[in-house]
């Protein structure tokens, strides 16, 4: 009995769908005849009106600048004029010449327990220094068996151990 009621329901649903389709098809020609092309509205005419509106917006001229600035600030949108301008004053400062490096000689390098360098300047003064120590405006940045690397305001430089005859 259950399958008979299902079949009846499907048959009734099919008849309703077919009847709706027939009514729609019969009404279609009258619906299409009601739609007539409007002579005042077409895609081409709408596009031309849009371009005309854009053209009008681009050609708007202002009597005054739409943005105002306080007197001490200048508008970044200002119009450039052909008024002669004064050249900016050039201040020339003397370039400081680097001071000559104090001549140093490596007299020896101790490697135990850590690297220590023995330096002597041109006055005969002897200095015993480690990595990171300063000597005459220069900082010791590395010590090796062959010499020392120093850094001052002119850059880094290396001094090797002197060999005595």
C-alpha atoms as a PDB file:
ATOM      1  CA  UNK A   1       0.000   0.000   0.000  1.00  0.00           C
ATOM      2  CA  UNK A   2       2.879   2.259   0.704  1.00  0.00           C
ATOM      3  CA  UNK A   3       4.186   1.999  -2.845  1.00  0.00           C
ATOM      4  CA  UNK A   4       0.753   2.816  -4.350  1.00  0.00           C
ATOM      5  CA  UNK A   5       0.538   6.078  -2.404  1.00  0.00           C
ATOM      6  CA  UNK A   6       4.086   7.009  -3.474  1.00  0.00           C
ATOM      7  CA  UNK A   7       3.276   6.345  -7.115  1.00  0.00           C
ATOM      8  CA  UNK A   8       0.092   8.421  -6.850  1.00  0.00           C
ATOM      9  CA  UNK A   9       1.991  11.278  -5.267  1.00  0.00           C
ATOM     10  CA  UNK A  10       4.676  11.200  -7.982  1.00  0.00           C
ATOM     11  CA  UNK A  11       2.013  11.108 -10.712  1.00  0.00           C
ATOM     12  CA  UNK A  12       0.214  14.107  -9.197  1.00  0.00           C
ATOM     13  CA  UNK A  13       3.493  16.030  -8.889  1.00  0.00           C
ATOM     14  CA  UNK A  14       4.369  15.291 -12.528  1.00  0.00           C
ATOM     15  CA  UNK A  15       0.965  16.563 -13.717  1.00  0.00           C
ATOM     16  CA  UNK A  16       1.408  19.802 -11.733  1.00  0.00           C
ATOM     17  CA  UNK A  17       4.892  20.365 -13.210  1.00  0.00           C
ATOM     18  CA  UNK A  18       3.698  19.768 -16.757  1.00  0.00           C
ATOM     19  CA  UNK A  19       0.723  22.096 -16.290  1.00  0.00           C
ATOM     20  CA  UNK A  20       3.002  24.842 -14.907  1.00  0.00           C
ATOM     21  CA  UNK A  21       5.353  24.460 -17.876  1.00  0.00           C
ATOM     22  CA  UNK A  22       2.514  24.722 -20.380  1.00  0.00           C
ATOM     23  CA  UNK A  23       1.144  27.877 -18.709  1.00  0.00           C
ATOM     24  CA  UNK A  24       4.631  29.408 -18.723  1.00  0.00           C
ATOM     25  CA  UNK A  25       5.163  28.597 -22.416  1.00  0.00           C
ATOM     26  CA  UNK A  26       1.766  30.036 -23.347  1.00  0.00           C
ATOM     27  CA  UNK A  27       2.479  33.254 -21.417  1.00  0.00           C
ATOM     28  CA  UNK A  28       6.030  33.691 -22.811  1.00  0.00           C
ATOM     29  CA  UNK A  29       5.130  35.383 -26.153  1.00  0.00           C
ATOM     30  CA  UNK A  30       2.971  37.989 -24.429  1.00  0.00           C
ATOM     31  CA  UNK A  31       5.747  38.679 -21.887  1.00  0.00           C
ATOM     32  CA  UNK A  32       8.292  39.155 -24.669  1.00  0.00           C
ATOM     33  CA  UNK A  33       6.045  41.486 -26.612  1.00  0.00           C
ATOM     34  CA  UNK A  34       5.683  43.762 -23.563  1.00  0.00           C
ATOM     35  CA  UNK A  35       9.455  44.275 -23.467  1.00  0.00           C
ATOM     36  CA  UNK A  36      10.192  46.845 -26.136  1.00  0.00           C
ATOM     37  CA  UNK A  37      13.501  48.523 -26.677  1.00  0.00           C
ATOM     38  CA  UNK A  38      13.492  51.910 -24.985  1.00  0.00           C
ATOM     39  CA  UNK A  39      14.764  54.534 -27.390  1.00  0.00           C
ATOM     40  CA  UNK A  40      16.087  56.722 -24.557  1.00  0.00           C
ATOM     41  CA  UNK A  41      18.066  54.006 -22.770  1.00  0.00           C
ATOM     42  CA  UNK A  42      20.687  51.846 -24.441  1.00  0.00           C
ATOM     43  CA  UNK A  43      24.065  50.557 -23.281  1.00  0.00           C
ATOM     44  CA  UNK A  44      25.855  52.806 -25.747  1.00  0.00           C
ATOM     45  CA  UNK A  45      23.880  55.885 -24.671  1.00  0.00           C
ATOM     46  CA  UNK A  46      24.467  55.076 -20.972  1.00  0.00           C
ATOM     47  CA  UNK A  47      28.192  54.754 -21.619  1.00  0.00           C
ATOM     48  CA  UNK A  48      28.268  58.100 -23.431  1.00  0.00           C
ATOM     49  CA  UNK A  49      26.461  59.756 -20.514  1.00  0.00           C
ATOM     50  CA  UNK A  50      28.988  58.249 -18.081  1.00  0.00           C
ATOM     51  CA  UNK A  51      31.903  59.588 -20.150  1.00  0.00           C
ATOM     52  CA  UNK A  52      30.254  62.998 -20.322  1.00  0.00           C
ATOM     53  CA  UNK A  53      29.862  63.068 -16.505  1.00  0.00           C
ATOM     54  CA  UNK A  54      33.506  62.080 -16.034  1.00  0.00           C
ATOM     55  CA  UNK A  55      34.628  64.737 -18.502  1.00  0.00           C
ATOM     56  CA  UNK A  56      32.646  67.402 -16.629  1.00  0.00           C
ATOM     57  CA  UNK A  57      34.164  66.330 -13.297  1.00  0.00           C
ATOM     58  CA  UNK A  58      37.694  66.517 -14.733  1.00  0.00           C
ATOM     59  CA  UNK A  59      37.135  70.020 -16.114  1.00  0.00           C
ATOM     60  CA  UNK A  60      36.018  71.606 -12.836  1.00  0.00           C
ATOM     61  CA  UNK A  61      38.004  74.792 -12.177  1.00  0.00           C
ATOM     62  CA  UNK A  62      38.331  76.210  -8.665  1.00  0.00           C
ATOM     63  CA  UNK A  63      38.612  79.942  -7.998  1.00  0.00           C
ATOM     64  CA  UNK A  64      40.582  79.247  -4.836  1.00  0.00           C
ATOM     65  CA  UNK A  65      42.500  76.230  -3.691  1.00  0.00           C
ATOM     66  CA  UNK A  66      40.072  73.752  -2.041  1.00  0.00           C
ATOM     67  CA  UNK A  67      42.543  73.111   0.803  1.00  0.00           C
ATOM     68  CA  UNK A  68      43.841  75.978   2.914  1.00  0.00           C
ATOM     69  CA  UNK A  69      47.138  76.082   4.770  1.00  0.00           C
ATOM     70  CA  UNK A  70      48.386  78.317   7.582  1.00  0.00           C
ATOM     71  CA  UNK A  71      50.664  81.148   6.483  1.00  0.00           C
ATOM     72  CA  UNK A  72      53.855  79.456   7.658  1.00  0.00           C
ATOM     73  CA  UNK A  73      53.206  76.297   5.602  1.00  0.00           C
ATOM     74  CA  UNK A  74      53.251  76.127   1.837  1.00  0.00           C
ATOM     75  CA  UNK A  75      50.746  74.083  -0.117  1.00  0.00           C
ATOM     76  CA  UNK A  76      52.296  70.998  -1.707  1.00  0.00           C
ATOM     77  CA  UNK A  77      49.837  71.592  -4.579  1.00  0.00           C
ATOM     78  CA  UNK A  78      50.969  75.163  -5.301  1.00  0.00           C
ATOM     79  CA  UNK A  79      51.492  76.274  -8.861  1.00  0.00           C
ATOM     80  CA  UNK A  80      55.072  76.973  -9.803  1.00  0.00           C
ATOM     81  CA  UNK A  81      55.832  80.424 -11.126  1.00  0.00           C
ATOM     82  CA  UNK A  82      58.658  81.840 -13.147  1.00  0.00           C
ATOM     83  CA  UNK A  83      59.681  84.230 -10.383  1.00  0.00           C
ATOM     84  CA  UNK A  84      63.435  84.287  -9.911  1.00  0.00           C
ATOM     85  CA  UNK A  85      64.501  82.619  -6.721  1.00  0.00           C
ATOM     86  CA  UNK A  86      67.593  83.294  -4.703  1.00  0.00           C
ATOM     87  CA  UNK A  87      70.041  80.436  -4.642  1.00  0.00           C
ATOM     88  CA  UNK A  88      70.524  78.860  -1.257  1.00  0.00           C
ATOM     89  CA  UNK A  89      73.591  80.006   0.599  1.00  0.00           C
ATOM     90  CA  UNK A  90      76.322  77.410   0.482  1.00  0.00           C
ATOM     91  CA  UNK A  91      78.218  77.049   3.702  1.00  0.00           C
ATOM     92  CA  UNK A  92      81.632  75.602   3.138  1.00  0.00           C
ATOM     93  CA  UNK A  93      83.257  74.123   6.160  1.00  0.00           C
ATOM     94  CA  UNK A  94      86.878  73.192   6.146  1.00  0.00           C
ATOM     95  CA  UNK A  95      87.385  69.479   5.946  1.00  0.00           C
ATOM     96  CA  UNK A  96      89.293  68.268   8.963  1.00  0.00           C
ATOM     97  CA  UNK A  97      92.444  66.518   7.903  1.00  0.00           C
ATOM     98  CA  UNK A  98      92.966  63.267   9.759  1.00  0.00           C
ATOM     99  CA  UNK A  99      95.733  63.432  12.297  1.00  0.00           C
ATOM    100  CA  UNK A 100      98.728  61.298  11.445  1.00  0.00           C
ATOM    101  CA  UNK A 101      98.896  58.029  13.331  1.00  0.00           C
ATOM    102  CA  UNK A 102     101.424  57.760  16.107  1.00  0.00           C
ATOM    103  CA  UNK A 103     104.178  55.457  14.843  1.00  0.00           C
ATOM    104  CA  UNK A 104     104.163  52.239  16.857  1.00  0.00           C
ATOM    105  CA  UNK A 105     106.427  49.232  16.748  1.00  0.00           C
ATOM    106  CA  UNK A 106     105.561  45.735  17.966  1.00  0.00           C
ATOM    107  CA  UNK A 107     108.441  44.645  20.148  1.00  0.00           C
ATOM    108  CA  UNK A 108     106.936  41.290  21.081  1.00  0.00           C
ATOM    109  CA  UNK A 109     103.841  39.126  21.566  1.00  0.00           C
ATOM    110  CA  UNK A 110     103.233  36.931  24.618  1.00  0.00           C
ATOM    111  CA  UNK A 111     100.898  34.010  23.931  1.00  0.00           C
ATOM    112  CA  UNK A 112     100.534  32.447  27.402  1.00  0.00           C
ATOM    113  CA  UNK A 113      98.125  32.529  29.256  1.00  0.00           C
ATOM    114  CA  UNK A 114      96.441  34.970  26.801  1.00  0.00           C
ATOM    115  CA  UNK A 115      97.711  37.113  23.941  1.00  0.00           C
ATOM    116  CA  UNK A 116      99.496  40.258  25.134  1.00  0.00           C
ATOM    117  CA  UNK A 117     101.369  42.667  22.873  1.00  0.00           C
ATOM    118  CA  UNK A 118     104.363  44.833  23.740  1.00  0.00           C
ATOM    119  CA  UNK A 119     104.361  48.103  21.773  1.00  0.00           C
ATOM    120  CA  UNK A 120     106.754  51.030  21.642  1.00  0.00           C
ATOM    121  CA  UNK A 121     105.976  54.513  20.288  1.00  0.00           C
ATOM    122  CA  UNK A 122     108.380  56.965  18.626  1.00  0.00           C
ATOM    123  CA  UNK A 123     109.301  58.564  21.982  1.00  0.00           C
ATOM    124  CA  UNK A 124     110.549  55.226  23.337  1.00  0.00           C
ATOM    125  CA  UNK A 125     107.586  54.713  25.674  1.00  0.00           C
ATOM    126  CA  UNK A 126     106.718  51.006  26.049  1.00  0.00           C
ATOM    127  CA  UNK A 127     103.131  49.742  26.389  1.00  0.00           C
ATOM    128  CA  UNK A 128     101.891  46.288  27.374  1.00  0.00           C
ATOM    129  CA  UNK A 129      98.302  45.842  26.161  1.00  0.00           C
ATOM    130  CA  UNK A 130      95.569  43.208  25.609  1.00  0.00           C
ATOM    131  CA  UNK A 131      92.817  42.947  23.029  1.00  0.00           C
ATOM    132  CA  UNK A 132      90.267  45.775  23.524  1.00  0.00           C
ATOM    133  CA  UNK A 133      92.756  48.166  25.178  1.00  0.00           C
ATOM    134  CA  UNK A 134      93.437  51.641  23.767  1.00  0.00           C
ATOM    135  CA  UNK A 135      96.776  53.157  22.832  1.00  0.00           C
ATOM    136  CA  UNK A 136      97.136  56.659  21.315  1.00  0.00           C
ATOM    137  CA  UNK A 137      93.500  56.976  20.059  1.00  0.00           C
ATOM    138  CA  UNK A 138      93.590  53.449  18.577  1.00  0.00           C
ATOM    139  CA  UNK A 139      91.919  50.308  19.898  1.00  0.00           C
ATOM    140  CA  UNK A 140      93.548  46.896  19.710  1.00  0.00           C
ATOM    141  CA  UNK A 141      91.075  44.615  17.913  1.00  0.00           C
ATOM    142  CA  UNK A 142      93.239  41.510  17.383  1.00  0.00           C
ATOM    143  CA  UNK A 143      96.565  40.094  18.487  1.00  0.00           C
ATOM    144  CA  UNK A 144      98.336  37.248  16.686  1.00  0.00           C
ATOM    145  CA  UNK A 145     101.788  35.673  16.870  1.00  0.00           C
ATOM    146  CA  UNK A 146     102.926  37.904  13.972  1.00  0.00           C
ATOM    147  CA  UNK A 147     101.573  41.268  15.090  1.00  0.00           C
ATOM    148  CA  UNK A 148      98.621  43.365  16.172  1.00  0.00           C
ATOM    149  CA  UNK A 149      95.576  44.857  14.399  1.00  0.00           C
ATOM    150  CA  UNK A 150      94.422  48.291  15.530  1.00  0.00           C
ATOM    151  CA  UNK A 151      91.416  50.472  14.637  1.00  0.00           C
ATOM    152  CA  UNK A 152      91.258  54.253  14.825  1.00  0.00           C
ATOM    153  CA  UNK A 153      89.134  56.997  13.203  1.00  0.00           C
ATOM    154  CA  UNK A 154      90.875  56.353   9.859  1.00  0.00           C
ATOM    155  CA  UNK A 155      90.137  52.598   9.822  1.00  0.00           C
ATOM    156  CA  UNK A 156      91.903  49.378  10.700  1.00  0.00           C
ATOM    157  CA  UNK A 157      95.592  48.698  10.203  1.00  0.00           C
ATOM    158  CA  UNK A 158      98.104  46.046  11.127  1.00  0.00           C
ATOM    159  CA  UNK A 159     101.587  46.282  12.598  1.00  0.00           C
ATOM    160  CA  UNK A 160     103.832  43.229  12.367  1.00  0.00           C
ATOM    161  CA  UNK A 161     106.501  42.111  14.821  1.00  0.00           C
ATOM    162  CA  UNK A 162     109.910  43.600  14.025  1.00  0.00           C
ATOM    163  CA  UNK A 163     112.633  41.123  13.297  1.00  0.00           C
ATOM    164  CA  UNK A 164     115.988  42.088  14.724  1.00  0.00           C
ATOM    165  CA  UNK A 165     119.140  40.991  12.865  1.00  0.00           C
END
